[in-house]
């Protein structure tokens, strides 16, 4: 799991063998959610509401970087780390 950011116990990752639409994974404890990059919403899985809010706040600040990492992942190139929320 290529980790691209970590903050407040949340791990953000993207995988190389992925499907459309462009998205990223957020893991918190034993729960995982998948978020779309285009419209920044939870499209799969479940996370506590507070964690969803934090992930969306972070993603809004880093949407362009997420898009860039998606393109790198699709090309099977190393991903860039993205600054944490705090």
Protein backbone atom coordinates (compact mmCIF):
# COMPACT_ATOMS: atom_id res chain seq x y z
CA UNK A 1 0.00 0.00 0.00
CA UNK A 2 1.81 3.15 -1.14
CA UNK A 3 1.22 5.58 1.71
CA UNK A 4 1.05 9.20 0.57
CA UNK A 5 0.14 10.90 3.85
CA UNK A 6 -0.49 10.19 7.53
CA UNK A 7 -2.14 12.39 10.15
CA UNK A 8 -4.18 12.00 13.34
CA UNK A 9 -4.12 8.20 13.05
CA UNK A 10 -5.38 8.32 9.45
CA UNK A 11 -3.34 6.72 6.66
CA UNK A 12 -3.93 7.94 3.10
CA UNK A 13 -2.86 5.60 0.28
CA UNK A 14 -3.18 4.90 -3.42
CA UNK A 15 -2.60 1.60 -5.15
CA UNK A 16 -0.95 0.94 -8.50
CA UNK A 17 -3.42 -1.65 -9.80
CA UNK A 18 -6.55 0.50 -9.50
CA UNK A 19 -9.87 1.04 -11.25
CA UNK A 20 -11.65 4.20 -12.30
CA UNK A 21 -12.83 6.68 -11.11
CA UNK A 22 -9.71 8.36 -9.66
CA UNK A 23 -9.75 7.83 -5.90
CA UNK A 24 -7.69 7.32 -2.76
CA UNK A 25 -8.02 5.15 0.33
CA UNK A 26 -8.19 6.36 3.92
CA UNK A 27 -7.56 3.88 6.71
CA UNK A 28 -8.36 4.56 10.36
CA UNK A 29 -7.85 1.67 12.74
CA UNK A 30 -9.55 -1.32 11.15
CA UNK A 31 -11.90 0.80 9.03
CA UNK A 32 -11.28 1.90 5.44
CA UNK A 33 -12.98 4.36 3.15
CA UNK A 34 -12.51 5.12 -0.54
CA UNK A 35 -12.86 8.75 -1.63
CA UNK A 36 -13.36 10.05 -5.14
CA UNK A 37 -10.87 12.76 -6.13
CA UNK A 38 -13.20 14.49 -8.61
CA UNK A 39 -16.04 15.26 -6.22
CA UNK A 40 -14.39 14.55 -2.86
CA UNK A 41 -16.90 12.22 -1.35
CA UNK A 42 -16.87 8.80 0.27
CA UNK A 43 -17.75 6.26 -2.41
CA UNK A 44 -17.01 2.99 -0.62
CA UNK A 45 -16.47 1.71 2.91
CA UNK A 46 -17.19 3.41 6.20
CA UNK A 47 -15.34 5.63 8.64
CA UNK A 48 -16.42 7.65 11.67
CA UNK A 49 -17.98 11.00 10.67
CA UNK A 50 -15.18 12.95 12.35
CA UNK A 51 -12.56 11.04 10.31
CA UNK A 52 -14.52 11.62 7.09
CA UNK A 53 -14.55 15.35 7.84
CA UNK A 54 -10.79 15.41 8.46
CA UNK A 55 -10.04 13.42 5.31
CA UNK A 56 -12.24 15.71 3.20
CA UNK A 57 -10.65 18.83 4.70
CA UNK A 58 -7.19 17.44 3.87
CA UNK A 59 -8.23 16.32 0.37
CA UNK A 60 -9.74 19.70 -0.48
CA UNK A 61 -6.39 21.34 0.33
CA UNK A 62 -4.44 18.79 -1.74
CA UNK A 63 -6.75 17.94 -4.65
CA UNK A 64 -4.19 18.86 -7.36
CA UNK A 65 -1.52 16.74 -5.65
CA UNK A 66 -3.98 13.84 -5.42
CA UNK A 67 -4.69 14.13 -9.15
CA UNK A 68 -0.95 14.13 -9.86
CA UNK A 69 -0.40 11.05 -7.67
CA UNK A 70 -3.29 9.28 -9.43
CA UNK A 71 -1.57 9.83 -12.78
CA UNK A 72 1.70 8.54 -11.34
CA UNK A 73 -0.05 5.46 -9.93
CA UNK A 74 -1.65 4.71 -13.29
CA UNK A 75 1.80 4.99 -14.92
CA UNK A 76 3.22 2.74 -12.15
CA UNK A 77 5.68 5.45 -11.08
CA UNK A 78 6.64 6.35 -7.51
CA UNK A 79 4.06 8.48 -5.74
CA UNK A 80 4.80 11.79 -4.06
CA UNK A 81 4.21 12.26 -0.35
CA UNK A 82 1.57 14.87 0.48
CA UNK A 83 1.74 17.08 3.57
CA UNK A 84 -0.46 15.99 6.47
CA UNK A 85 -3.43 17.98 7.72
CA UNK A 86 -1.64 19.12 10.87
